Amino acid sequence: ARGKFTPTDKFLTQDSRLPESILVQTVTGDYVDEHNELVDPA
């Protein structure tokens, strides 16, 4: 599980977002060399 804790009032009134880079982390938390080819370099 990755994500964030959000107060209920904020959850109901704001969009939830996370960096897409969390999808290309290894089991040790590192990023692969191909990171910028897989997700937005920004």
PDB file of all heavy atoms in Angstrom:
ATOM      1  N   ALA A   1       0.825  -1.204   0.000  1.00  0.00           N
ATOM      2  CA  ALA A   1       0.000   0.000   0.000  1.00  0.00           C
ATOM      3  C   ALA A   1       0.862   1.258   0.000  1.00  0.00           C
ATOM      4  O   ALA A   1       1.732   1.430   0.852  1.00  0.00           O
ATOM      5  CB  ALA A   1      -0.920   0.000   1.218  1.00  0.00           C
ATOM      6  N   ARG A   2       0.614   2.116  -0.966  1.00  0.00           N
ATOM      7  CA  ARG A   2       1.171   3.475  -0.960  1.00  0.00           C
ATOM      8  C   ARG A   2      -0.004   4.446  -0.993  1.00  0.00           C
ATOM      9  O   ARG A   2      -1.101   4.102  -1.422  1.00  0.00           O
ATOM     10  CB  ARG A   2       2.102   3.698  -2.139  1.00  0.00           C
ATOM     11  CG  ARG A   2       3.323   2.787  -2.105  1.00  0.00           C
ATOM     12  CD  ARG A   2       4.325   3.139  -3.186  1.00  0.00           C
ATOM     13  NE  ARG A   2       5.402   2.177  -3.241  1.00  0.00           N
ATOM     14  CZ  ARG A   2       6.552   2.269  -2.561  1.00  0.00           C
ATOM     15  NH1 ARG A   2       6.766   3.311  -1.774  1.00  0.00           N
ATOM     16  NH2 ARG A   2       7.484   1.337  -2.668  1.00  0.00           N
ATOM     17  N   GLY A   3       0.228   5.660  -0.551  1.00  0.00           N
ATOM     18  CA  GLY A   3      -0.869   6.617  -0.525  1.00  0.00           C
ATOM     19  C   GLY A   3      -0.643   7.708   0.501  1.00  0.00           C
ATOM     20  O   GLY A   3       0.494   8.078   0.789  1.00  0.00           O
ATOM     21  N   LYS A   4      -1.738   8.191   1.067  1.00  0.00           N
ATOM     22  CA  LYS A   4      -1.632   9.281   2.036  1.00  0.00           C
ATOM     23  C   LYS A   4      -2.858   9.296   2.944  1.00  0.00           C
ATOM     24  O   LYS A   4      -3.917   8.764   2.603  1.00  0.00           O
ATOM     25  CB  LYS A   4      -1.480  10.622   1.328  1.00  0.00           C
ATOM     26  CG  LYS A   4      -2.591  10.968   0.345  1.00  0.00           C
ATOM     27  CD  LYS A   4      -2.268  12.254  -0.395  1.00  0.00           C
ATOM     28  CE  LYS A   4      -3.333  12.596  -1.436  1.00  0.00           C
ATOM     29  NZ  LYS A   4      -2.995  13.827  -2.187  1.00  0.00           N
ATOM     30  N   PHE A   5      -2.668   9.921   4.110  1.00  0.00           N
ATOM     31  CA  PHE A   5      -3.760  10.124   5.061  1.00  0.00           C
ATOM     32  C   PHE A   5      -4.386  11.484   4.793  1.00  0.00           C
ATOM     33  O   PHE A   5      -3.675  12.484   4.654  1.00  0.00           O
ATOM     34  CB  PHE A   5      -3.237  10.076   6.496  1.00  0.00           C
ATOM     35  CG  PHE A   5      -2.602   8.766   6.872  1.00  0.00           C
ATOM     36  CD1 PHE A   5      -1.237   8.558   6.719  1.00  0.00           C
ATOM     37  CD2 PHE A   5      -3.367   7.742   7.384  1.00  0.00           C
ATOM     38  CE1 PHE A   5      -0.650   7.364   7.066  1.00  0.00           C
ATOM     39  CE2 PHE A   5      -2.795   6.526   7.746  1.00  0.00           C
ATOM     40  CZ  PHE A   5      -1.434   6.342   7.584  1.00  0.00           C
ATOM     41  N   THR A   6      -5.702  11.511   4.746  1.00  0.00           N
ATOM     42  CA  THR A   6      -6.406  12.754   4.443  1.00  0.00           C
ATOM     43  C   THR A   6      -7.562  12.947   5.422  1.00  0.00           C
ATOM     44  O   THR A   6      -8.364  12.020   5.607  1.00  0.00           O
ATOM     45  CB  THR A   6      -6.975  12.732   3.013  1.00  0.00           C
ATOM     46  OG1 THR A   6      -5.936  12.428   2.083  1.00  0.00           O
ATOM     47  CG2 THR A   6      -7.598  14.067   2.659  1.00  0.00           C
ATOM     48  N   PRO A   7      -7.671  14.124   6.064  1.00  0.00           N
ATOM     49  CA  PRO A   7      -8.863  14.387   6.880  1.00  0.00           C
ATOM     50  C   PRO A   7     -10.113  14.245   6.029  1.00  0.00           C
ATOM     51  O   PRO A   7     -10.121  14.590   4.837  1.00  0.00           O
ATOM     52  CB  PRO A   7      -8.654  15.831   7.347  1.00  0.00           C
ATOM     53  CG  PRO A   7      -7.178  16.061   7.259  1.00  0.00           C
ATOM     54  CD  PRO A   7      -6.717  15.244   6.083  1.00  0.00           C
ATOM     55  N   THR A   8     -11.176  13.768   6.632  1.00  0.00           N
ATOM     56  CA  THR A   8     -12.381  13.448   5.875  1.00  0.00           C
ATOM     57  C   THR A   8     -12.927  14.647   5.110  1.00  0.00           C
ATOM     58  O   THR A   8     -13.332  14.525   3.944  1.00  0.00           O
ATOM     59  CB  THR A   8     -13.465  12.895   6.814  1.00  0.00           C
ATOM     60  OG1 THR A   8     -12.963  11.712   7.443  1.00  0.00           O
ATOM     61  CG2 THR A   8     -14.732  12.542   6.050  1.00  0.00           C
ATOM     62  N   ASP A   9     -12.929  15.824   5.723  1.00  0.00           N
ATOM     63  CA  ASP A   9     -13.479  16.996   5.033  1.00  0.00           C
ATOM     64  C   ASP A   9     -12.651  17.354   3.805  1.00  0.00           C
ATOM     65  O   ASP A   9     -13.188  17.752   2.761  1.00  0.00           O
ATOM     66  CB  ASP A   9     -13.589  18.185   5.981  1.00  0.00           C
ATOM     67  CG  ASP A   9     -12.261  18.571   6.601  1.00  0.00           C
ATOM     68  OD1 ASP A   9     -11.336  17.735   6.629  1.00  0.00           O
ATOM     69  OD2 ASP A   9     -12.142  19.730   7.069  1.00  0.00           O
ATOM     70  N   LYS A  10     -11.334  17.185   3.891  1.00  0.00           N
ATOM     71  CA  LYS A  10     -10.473  17.445   2.730  1.00  0.00           C
ATOM     72  C   LYS A  10     -10.704  16.390   1.652  1.00  0.00           C
ATOM     73  O   LYS A  10     -10.726  16.693   0.450  1.00  0.00           O
ATOM     74  CB  LYS A  10      -9.001  17.435   3.143  1.00  0.00           C
ATOM     75  CG  LYS A  10      -8.640  18.454   4.208  1.00  0.00           C
ATOM     76  CD  LYS A  10      -8.630  19.857   3.662  1.00  0.00           C
ATOM     77  CE  LYS A  10      -8.095  20.829   4.711  1.00  0.00           C
ATOM     78  NZ  LYS A  10      -8.158  22.226   4.307  1.00  0.00           N
ATOM     79  N   PHE A  11     -10.858  15.131   2.069  1.00  0.00           N
ATOM     80  CA  PHE A  11     -11.086  14.057   1.116  1.00  0.00           C
ATOM     81  C   PHE A  11     -12.350  14.304   0.299  1.00  0.00           C
ATOM     82  O   PHE A  11     -12.383  14.044  -0.910  1.00  0.00           O
ATOM     83  CB  PHE A  11     -11.198  12.720   1.860  1.00  0.00           C
ATOM     84  CG  PHE A  11     -11.613  11.566   0.995  1.00  0.00           C
ATOM     85  CD1 PHE A  11     -10.681  10.907   0.196  1.00  0.00           C
ATOM     86  CD2 PHE A  11     -12.933  11.148   0.949  1.00  0.00           C
ATOM     87  CE1 PHE A  11     -11.064   9.856  -0.618  1.00  0.00           C
ATOM     88  CE2 PHE A  11     -13.320  10.100   0.135  1.00  0.00           C
ATOM     89  CZ  PHE A  11     -12.385   9.452  -0.642  1.00  0.00           C
ATOM     90  N   LEU A  12     -13.389  14.833   0.941  1.00  0.00           N
ATOM     91  CA  LEU A  12     -14.672  15.024   0.270  1.00  0.00           C
ATOM     92  C   LEU A  12     -14.718  16.265  -0.603  1.00  0.00           C
ATOM     93  O   LEU A  12     -15.595  16.390  -1.459  1.00  0.00           O
ATOM     94  CB  LEU A  12     -15.793  15.092   1.313  1.00  0.00           C
ATOM     95  CG  LEU A  12     -16.058  13.792   2.092  1.00  0.00           C
ATOM     96  CD1 LEU A  12     -17.065  14.038   3.199  1.00  0.00           C
ATOM     97  CD2 LEU A  12     -16.538  12.691   1.150  1.00  0.00           C
ATOM     98  N   THR A  13     -13.782  17.169  -0.409  1.00  0.00           N
ATOM     99  CA  THR A  13     -13.849  18.436  -1.143  1.00  0.00           C
ATOM    100  C   THR A  13     -12.679  18.651  -2.106  1.00  0.00           C
ATOM    101  O   THR A  13     -12.696  19.605  -2.882  1.00  0.00           O
ATOM    102  CB  THR A  13     -13.890  19.619  -0.159  1.00  0.00           C
ATOM    103  OG1 THR A  13     -12.737  19.573   0.702  1.00  0.00           O
ATOM    104  CG2 THR A  13     -15.162  19.564   0.693  1.00  0.00           C
ATOM    105  N   GLN A  14     -11.676  17.788  -2.056  1.00  0.00           N
ATOM    106  CA  GLN A  14     -10.513  17.975  -2.912  1.00  0.00           C
ATOM    107  C   GLN A  14     -10.197  16.703  -3.687  1.00  0.00           C
ATOM    108  O   GLN A  14     -10.453  15.592  -3.212  1.00  0.00           O
ATOM    109  CB  GLN A  14      -9.278  18.367  -2.069  1.00  0.00           C
ATOM    110  CG  GLN A  14      -9.430  19.679  -1.320  1.00  0.00           C
ATOM    111  CD  GLN A  14      -8.202  19.999  -0.494  1.00  0.00           C
ATOM    112  OE1 GLN A  14      -7.231  19.246  -0.472  1.00  0.00           O
ATOM    113  NE2 GLN A  14      -8.244  21.131   0.199  1.00  0.00           N
ATOM    114  N   ASP A  15      -9.624  16.870  -4.877  1.00  0.00           N
ATOM    115  CA  ASP A  15      -9.157  15.721  -5.641  1.00  0.00           C
ATOM    116  C   ASP A  15      -7.954  15.098  -4.952  1.00  0.00           C
ATOM    117  O   ASP A  15      -7.130  15.800  -4.348  1.00  0.00           O
ATOM    118  CB  ASP A  15      -8.753  16.143  -7.055  1.00  0.00           C
ATOM    119  CG  ASP A  15      -9.949  16.496  -7.919  1.00  0.00           C
ATOM    120  OD1 ASP A  15     -11.058  16.036  -7.591  1.00  0.00           O
ATOM    121  OD2 ASP A  15      -9.762  17.234  -8.908  1.00  0.00           O
ATOM    122  N   SER A  16      -7.863  13.780  -5.030  1.00  0.00           N
ATOM    123  CA  SER A  16      -6.700  13.073  -4.491  1.00  0.00           C
ATOM    124  C   SER A  16      -5.696  12.835  -5.611  1.00  0.00           C
ATOM    125  O   SER A  16      -6.062  12.384  -6.699  1.00  0.00           O
ATOM    126  CB  SER A  16      -7.125  11.738  -3.873  1.00  0.00           C
ATOM    127  OG  SER A  16      -7.938  11.936  -2.741  1.00  0.00           O
ATOM    128  N   ARG A  17      -4.451  13.134  -5.335  1.00  0.00           N
ATOM    129  CA  ARG A  17      -3.388  12.964  -6.333  1.00  0.00           C
ATOM    130  C   ARG A  17      -2.145  12.383  -5.674  1.00  0.00           C
ATOM    131  O   ARG A  17      -1.910  12.583  -4.480  1.00  0.00           O
ATOM    132  CB  ARG A  17      -3.035  14.301  -6.997  1.00  0.00           C
ATOM    133  CG  ARG A  17      -4.204  14.945  -7.749  1.00  0.00           C
ATOM    134  CD  ARG A  17      -3.821  16.316  -8.291  1.00  0.00           C
ATOM    135  NE  ARG A  17      -4.952  16.978  -8.927  1.00  0.00           N
ATOM    136  CZ  ARG A  17      -5.293  16.833 -10.205  1.00  0.00           C
ATOM    137  NH1 ARG A  17      -4.555  16.037 -10.979  1.00  0.00           N
ATOM    138  NH2 ARG A  17      -6.336  17.453 -10.709  1.00  0.00           N
ATOM    139  N   LEU A  18      -1.353  11.681  -6.461  1.00  0.00           N
ATOM    140  CA  LEU A  18      -0.054  11.170  -6.024  1.00  0.00           C
ATOM    141  C   LEU A  18       0.903  11.214  -7.212  1.00  0.00           C
ATOM    142  O   LEU A  18       0.465  11.122  -8.371  1.00  0.00           O
ATOM    143  CB  LEU A  18      -0.164   9.725  -5.536  1.00  0.00           C
ATOM    144  CG  LEU A  18      -0.737   9.458  -4.137  1.00  0.00           C
ATOM    145  CD1 LEU A  18      -0.857   7.954  -3.916  1.00  0.00           C
ATOM    146  CD2 LEU A  18       0.127  10.081  -3.055  1.00  0.00           C
ATOM    147  N   PRO A  19       2.206  11.355  -6.957  1.00  0.00           N
ATOM    148  CA  PRO A  19       3.163  11.317  -8.069  1.00  0.00           C
ATOM    149  C   PRO A  19       3.116   9.962  -8.773  1.00  0.00           C
ATOM    150  O   PRO A  19       3.104   8.913  -8.112  1.00  0.00           O
ATOM    151  CB  PRO A  19       4.514  11.535  -7.371  1.00  0.00           C
ATOM    152  CG  PRO A  19       4.176  12.153  -6.057  1.00  0.00           C
ATOM    153  CD  PRO A  19       2.856  11.605  -5.660  1.00  0.00           C
ATOM    154  N   GLU A  20       3.090   9.975 -10.090  1.00  0.00           N
ATOM    155  CA  GLU A  20       3.021   8.710 -10.811  1.00  0.00           C
ATOM    156  C   GLU A  20       4.313   7.912 -10.670  1.00  0.00           C
ATOM    157  O   GLU A  20       4.337   6.704 -10.942  1.00  0.00           O
ATOM    158  CB  GLU A  20       2.693   8.931 -12.286  1.00  0.00           C
ATOM    159  CG  GLU A  20       3.733   9.696 -13.063  1.00  0.00           C
ATOM    160  CD  GLU A  20       3.400   9.750 -14.562  1.00  0.00           C
ATOM    161  OE1 GLU A  20       2.460   9.074 -14.986  1.00  0.00           O
ATOM    162  OE2 GLU A  20       4.105  10.482 -15.281  1.00  0.00           O
ATOM    163  N   SER A  21       5.360   8.529 -10.190  1.00  0.00           N
ATOM    164  CA  SER A  21       6.635   7.826 -10.025  1.00  0.00           C
ATOM    165  C   SER A  21       6.558   6.714  -8.985  1.00  0.00           C
ATOM    166  O   SER A  21       7.414   5.817  -8.983  1.00  0.00           O
ATOM    167  CB  SER A  21       7.744   8.815  -9.639  1.00  0.00           C
ATOM    168  OG  SER A  21       7.404   9.500  -8.449  1.00  0.00           O
ATOM    169  N   ILE A  22       5.548   6.750  -8.103  1.00  0.00           N
ATOM    170  CA  ILE A  22       5.451   5.665  -7.114  1.00  0.00           C
ATOM    171  C   ILE A  22       5.178   4.322  -7.791  1.00  0.00           C
ATOM    172  O   ILE A  22       5.410   3.263  -7.192  1.00  0.00           O
ATOM    173  CB  ILE A  22       4.360   5.939  -6.060  1.00  0.00           C
ATOM    174  CG1 ILE A  22       2.958   5.912  -6.691  1.00  0.00           C
ATOM    175  CG2 ILE A  22       4.614   7.229  -5.319  1.00  0.00           C
ATOM    176  CD1 ILE A  22       1.838   5.897  -5.682  1.00  0.00           C
ATOM    177  N   LEU A  23       4.695   4.361  -9.032  1.00  0.00           N
ATOM    178  CA  LEU A  23       4.395   3.127  -9.745  1.00  0.00           C
ATOM    179  C   LEU A  23       5.640   2.465 -10.320  1.00  0.00           C
ATOM    180  O   LEU A  23       5.571   1.319 -10.784  1.00  0.00           O
ATOM    181  CB  LEU A  23       3.394   3.398 -10.877  1.00  0.00           C
ATOM    182  CG  LEU A  23       2.028   3.962 -10.461  1.00  0.00           C
ATOM    183  CD1 LEU A  23       1.161   4.199 -11.689  1.00  0.00           C
ATOM    184  CD2 LEU A  23       1.322   3.042  -9.473  1.00  0.00           C
ATOM    185  N   VAL A  24       6.775   3.164 -10.325  1.00  0.00           N
ATOM    186  CA  VAL A  24       7.993   2.587 -10.894  1.00  0.00           C
ATOM    187  C   VAL A  24       9.108   2.504  -9.861  1.00  0.00           C
ATOM    188  O   VAL A  24      10.287   2.567 -10.191  1.00  0.00           O
ATOM    189  CB  VAL A  24       8.461   3.379 -12.145  1.00  0.00           C
ATOM    190  CG1 VAL A  24       7.494   3.175 -13.289  1.00  0.00           C
ATOM    191  CG2 VAL A  24       8.628   4.857 -11.843  1.00  0.00           C
ATOM    192  N   GLN A  25       8.732   2.323  -8.597  1.00  0.00           N
ATOM    193  CA  GLN A  25       9.716   2.100  -7.547  1.00  0.00           C
ATOM    194  C   GLN A  25       9.966   0.608  -7.372  1.00  0.00           C
ATOM    195  O   GLN A  25       9.063  -0.213  -7.512  1.00  0.00           O
ATOM    196  CB  GLN A  25       9.227   2.680  -6.224  1.00  0.00           C
ATOM    197  CG  GLN A  25       9.378   4.199  -6.117  1.00  0.00           C
ATOM    198  CD  GLN A  25       8.993   4.711  -4.748  1.00  0.00           C
ATOM    199  OE1 GLN A  25       7.814   4.892  -4.465  1.00  0.00           O
ATOM    200  NE2 GLN A  25       9.966   4.922  -3.891  1.00  0.00           N
ATOM    201  N   THR A  26      11.206   0.273  -7.050  1.00  0.00           N
ATOM    202  CA  THR A  26      11.545  -1.118  -6.766  1.00  0.00           C
ATOM    203  C   THR A  26      11.118  -1.465  -5.345  1.00  0.00           C
ATOM    204  O   THR A  26      10.677  -0.604  -4.574  1.00  0.00           O
ATOM    205  CB  THR A  26      13.058  -1.346  -6.906  1.00  0.00           C
ATOM    206  OG1 THR A  26      13.731  -0.646  -5.847  1.00  0.00           O
ATOM    207  CG2 THR A  26      13.564  -0.839  -8.249  1.00  0.00           C
ATOM    208  N   VAL A  27      11.280  -2.734  -4.977  1.00  0.00           N
ATOM    209  CA  VAL A  27      10.890  -3.171  -3.639  1.00  0.00           C
ATOM    210  C   VAL A  27      11.759  -2.524  -2.563  1.00  0.00           C
ATOM    211  O   VAL A  27      11.366  -2.464  -1.390  1.00  0.00           O
ATOM    212  CB  VAL A  27      10.950  -4.719  -3.550  1.00  0.00           C
ATOM    213  CG1 VAL A  27      12.394  -5.202  -3.500  1.00  0.00           C
ATOM    214  CG2 VAL A  27      10.148  -5.238  -2.367  1.00  0.00           C
ATOM    215  N   THR A  28      12.935  -2.022  -2.946  1.00  0.00           N
ATOM    216  CA  THR A  28      13.803  -1.322  -1.997  1.00  0.00           C
ATOM    217  C   THR A  28      13.551   0.180  -1.971  1.00  0.00           C
ATOM    218  O   THR A  28      14.206   0.913  -1.228  1.00  0.00           O
ATOM    219  CB  THR A  28      15.288  -1.568  -2.334  1.00  0.00           C
ATOM    220  OG1 THR A  28      15.558  -1.029  -3.637  1.00  0.00           O
ATOM    221  CG2 THR A  28      15.614  -3.044  -2.314  1.00  0.00           C
ATOM    222  N   GLY A  29      12.623   0.650  -2.806  1.00  0.00           N
ATOM    223  CA  GLY A  29      12.292   2.069  -2.837  1.00  0.00           C
ATOM    224  C   GLY A  29      13.089   2.869  -3.836  1.00  0.00           C
ATOM    225  O   GLY A  29      12.942   4.102  -3.918  1.00  0.00           O
ATOM    226  N   ASP A  30      13.941   2.199  -4.621  1.00  0.00           N
ATOM    227  CA  ASP A  30      14.748   2.903  -5.612  1.00  0.00           C
ATOM    228  C   ASP A  30      13.941   3.130  -6.894  1.00  0.00           C
ATOM    229  O   ASP A  30      12.889   2.517  -7.110  1.00  0.00           O
ATOM    230  CB  ASP A  30      16.003   2.090  -5.947  1.00  0.00           C
ATOM    231  CG  ASP A  30      16.963   2.014  -4.777  1.00  0.00           C
ATOM    232  OD1 ASP A  30      16.993   2.966  -3.982  1.00  0.00           O
ATOM    233  OD2 ASP A  30      17.659   0.986  -4.646  1.00  0.00           O
ATOM    234  N   TYR A  31      14.480   4.007  -7.738  1.00  0.00           N
ATOM    235  CA  TYR A  31      13.886   4.245  -9.061  1.00  0.00           C
ATOM    236  C   TYR A  31      14.809   3.677 -10.122  1.00  0.00           C
ATOM    237  O   TYR A  31      16.033   3.711  -9.992  1.00  0.00           O
ATOM    238  CB  TYR A  31      13.673   5.743  -9.288  1.00  0.00           C
ATOM    239  CG  TYR A  31      12.661   6.361  -8.364  1.00  0.00           C
ATOM    240  CD1 TYR A  31      13.059   7.063  -7.229  1.00  0.00           C
ATOM    241  CD2 TYR A  31      11.294   6.221  -8.597  1.00  0.00           C
ATOM    242  CE1 TYR A  31      12.124   7.612  -6.370  1.00  0.00           C
ATOM    243  CE2 TYR A  31      10.349   6.777  -7.744  1.00  0.00           C
ATOM    244  CZ  TYR A  31      10.774   7.472  -6.627  1.00  0.00           C
ATOM    245  OH  TYR A  31       9.848   8.008  -5.777  1.00  0.00           O
ATOM    246  N   VAL A  32      14.220   3.153 -11.168  1.00  0.00           N
ATOM    247  CA  VAL A  32      15.006   2.527 -12.222  1.00  0.00           C
ATOM    248  C   VAL A  32      15.610   3.574 -13.144  1.00  0.00           C
ATOM    249  O   VAL A  32      15.139   4.724 -13.205  1.00  0.00           O
ATOM    250  CB  VAL A  32      14.140   1.548 -13.038  1.00  0.00           C
ATOM    251  CG1 VAL A  32      13.641   0.415 -12.155  1.00  0.00           C
ATOM    252  CG2 VAL A  32      12.957   2.271 -13.676  1.00  0.00           C
ATOM    253  N   ASP A  33      16.664   3.171 -13.873  1.00  0.00           N
ATOM    254  CA  ASP A  33      17.317   4.097 -14.801  1.00  0.00           C
ATOM    255  C   ASP A  33      16.365   4.556 -15.895  1.00  0.00           C
ATOM    256  O   ASP A  33      16.515   5.663 -16.434  1.00  0.00           O
ATOM    257  CB  ASP A  33      18.546   3.424 -15.428  1.00  0.00           C
ATOM    258  CG  ASP A  33      19.648   3.153 -14.414  1.00  0.00           C
ATOM    259  OD1 ASP A  33      19.649   3.825 -13.355  1.00  0.00           O
ATOM    260  OD2 ASP A  33      20.485   2.266 -14.663  1.00  0.00           O
ATOM    261  N   GLU A  34      15.398   3.709 -16.231  1.00  0.00           N
ATOM    262  CA  GLU A  34      14.452   4.031 -17.301  1.00  0.00           C
ATOM    263  C   GLU A  34      13.291   4.902 -16.812  1.00  0.00           C
ATOM    264  O   GLU A  34      12.300   5.072 -17.537  1.00  0.00           O
ATOM    265  CB  GLU A  34      13.886   2.737 -17.897  1.00  0.00           C
ATOM    266  CG  GLU A  34      14.915   1.842 -18.553  1.00  0.00           C
ATOM    267  CD  GLU A  34      15.543   0.854 -17.575  1.00  0.00           C
ATOM    268  OE1 GLU A  34      15.475   1.093 -16.343  1.00  0.00           O
ATOM    269  OE2 GLU A  34      16.108  -0.145 -18.031  1.00  0.00           O
ATOM    270  N   HIS A  35      13.408   5.454 -15.624  1.00  0.00           N
ATOM    271  CA  HIS A  35      12.324   6.224 -15.008  1.00  0.00           C
ATOM    272  C   HIS A  35      11.707   7.240 -15.967  1.00  0.00           C
ATOM    273  O   HIS A  35      10.489   7.302 -16.147  1.00  0.00           O
ATOM    274  CB  HIS A  35      12.851   6.924 -13.751  1.00  0.00           C
ATOM    275  CG  HIS A  35      11.872   7.841 -13.097  1.00  0.00           C
ATOM    276  ND1 HIS A  35      11.694   9.150 -13.498  1.00  0.00           N
ATOM    277  CD2 HIS A  35      11.005   7.650 -12.069  1.00  0.00           C
ATOM    278  CE1 HIS A  35      10.771   9.719 -12.750  1.00  0.00           C
ATOM    279  NE2 HIS A  35      10.334   8.842 -11.878  1.00  0.00           N
ATOM    280  N   ASN A  36      12.551   8.031 -16.610  1.00  0.00           N
ATOM    281  CA  ASN A  36      12.045   9.105 -17.462  1.00  0.00           C
ATOM    282  C   ASN A  36      11.425   8.610 -18.762  1.00  0.00           C
ATOM    283  O   ASN A  36      10.721   9.359 -19.444  1.00  0.00           O
ATOM    284  CB  ASN A  36      13.178  10.088 -17.783  1.00  0.00           C
ATOM    285  CG  ASN A  36      13.593  10.887 -16.569  1.00  0.00           C
ATOM    286  OD1 ASN A  36      12.968  10.826 -15.513  1.00  0.00           O
ATOM    287  ND2 ASN A  36      14.681  11.644 -16.696  1.00  0.00           N
ATOM    288  N   GLU A  37      11.657   7.354 -19.112  1.00  0.00           N
ATOM    289  CA  GLU A  37      11.018   6.768 -20.286  1.00  0.00           C
ATOM    290  C   GLU A  37       9.646   6.192 -19.940  1.00  0.00           C
ATOM    291  O   GLU A  37       8.798   6.017 -20.821  1.00  0.00           O
ATOM    292  CB  GLU A  37      11.897   5.649 -20.864  1.00  0.00           C
ATOM    293  CG  GLU A  37      13.297   6.087 -21.263  1.00  0.00           C
ATOM    294  CD  GLU A  37      14.172   4.897 -21.607  1.00  0.00           C
ATOM    295  OE1 GLU A  37      13.605   3.843 -21.987  1.00  0.00           O
ATOM    296  OE2 GLU A  37      15.402   5.005 -21.483  1.00  0.00           O
ATOM    297  N   LEU A  38       9.439   5.903 -18.653  1.00  0.00           N
ATOM    298  CA  LEU A  38       8.218   5.229 -18.222  1.00  0.00           C
ATOM    299  C   LEU A  38       7.161   6.192 -17.702  1.00  0.00           C
ATOM    300  O   LEU A  38       5.960   5.966 -17.860  1.00  0.00           O
ATOM    301  CB  LEU A  38       8.549   4.190 -17.144  1.00  0.00           C
ATOM    302  CG  LEU A  38       9.539   3.092 -17.579  1.00  0.00           C
ATOM    303  CD1 LEU A  38       9.990   2.278 -16.381  1.00  0.00           C
ATOM    304  CD2 LEU A  38       8.885   2.198 -18.622  1.00  0.00           C
ATOM    305  N   VAL A  39       7.615   7.254 -17.047  1.00  0.00           N
ATOM    306  CA  VAL A  39       6.700   8.265 -16.525  1.00  0.00           C
ATOM    307  C   VAL A  39       7.234   9.643 -16.914  1.00  0.00           C
ATOM    308  O   VAL A  39       8.364   9.779 -17.365  1.00  0.00           O
ATOM    309  CB  VAL A  39       6.548   8.172 -14.986  1.00  0.00           C
ATOM    310  CG1 VAL A  39       5.900   6.849 -14.589  1.00  0.00           C
ATOM    311  CG2 VAL A  39       7.894   8.320 -14.286  1.00  0.00           C
ATOM    312  N   ASP A  40       6.420  10.663 -16.705  1.00  0.00           N
ATOM    313  CA  ASP A  40       6.801  12.023 -17.083  1.00  0.00           C
ATOM    314  C   ASP A  40       8.052  12.464 -16.326  1.00  0.00           C
ATOM    315  O   ASP A  40       8.093  12.373 -15.092  1.00  0.00           O
ATOM    316  CB  ASP A  40       5.640  12.973 -16.765  1.00  0.00           C
ATOM    317  CG  ASP A  40       5.807  14.325 -17.434  1.00  0.00           C
ATOM    318  OD1 ASP A  40       6.920  14.880 -17.378  1.00  0.00           O
ATOM    319  OD2 ASP A  40       4.816  14.831 -18.005  1.00  0.00           O
ATOM    320  N   PRO A  41       9.103  12.910 -17.015  1.00  0.00           N
ATOM    321  CA  PRO A  41      10.328  13.359 -16.336  1.00  0.00           C
ATOM    322  C   PRO A  41      10.075  14.486 -15.349  1.00  0.00           C
ATOM    323  O   PRO A  41      10.886  14.704 -14.430  1.00  0.00           O
ATOM    324  CB  PRO A  41      11.227  13.818 -17.490  1.00  0.00           C
ATOM    325  CG  PRO A  41      10.696  13.131 -18.695  1.00  0.00           C
ATOM    326  CD  PRO A  41       9.225  12.991 -18.486  1.00  0.00           C
ATOM    327  N   ALA A  42       8.966  15.219 -15.508  1.00  0.00           N
ATOM    328  CA  ALA A  42       8.647  16.315 -14.601  1.00  0.00           C
ATOM    329  C   ALA A  42       8.079  15.821 -13.271  1.00  0.00           C
ATOM    330  O   ALA A  42       7.752  16.623 -12.401  1.00  0.00           O
ATOM    331  CB  ALA A  42       7.655  17.267 -15.266  1.00  0.00           C
TER     332      ALA A  42
END
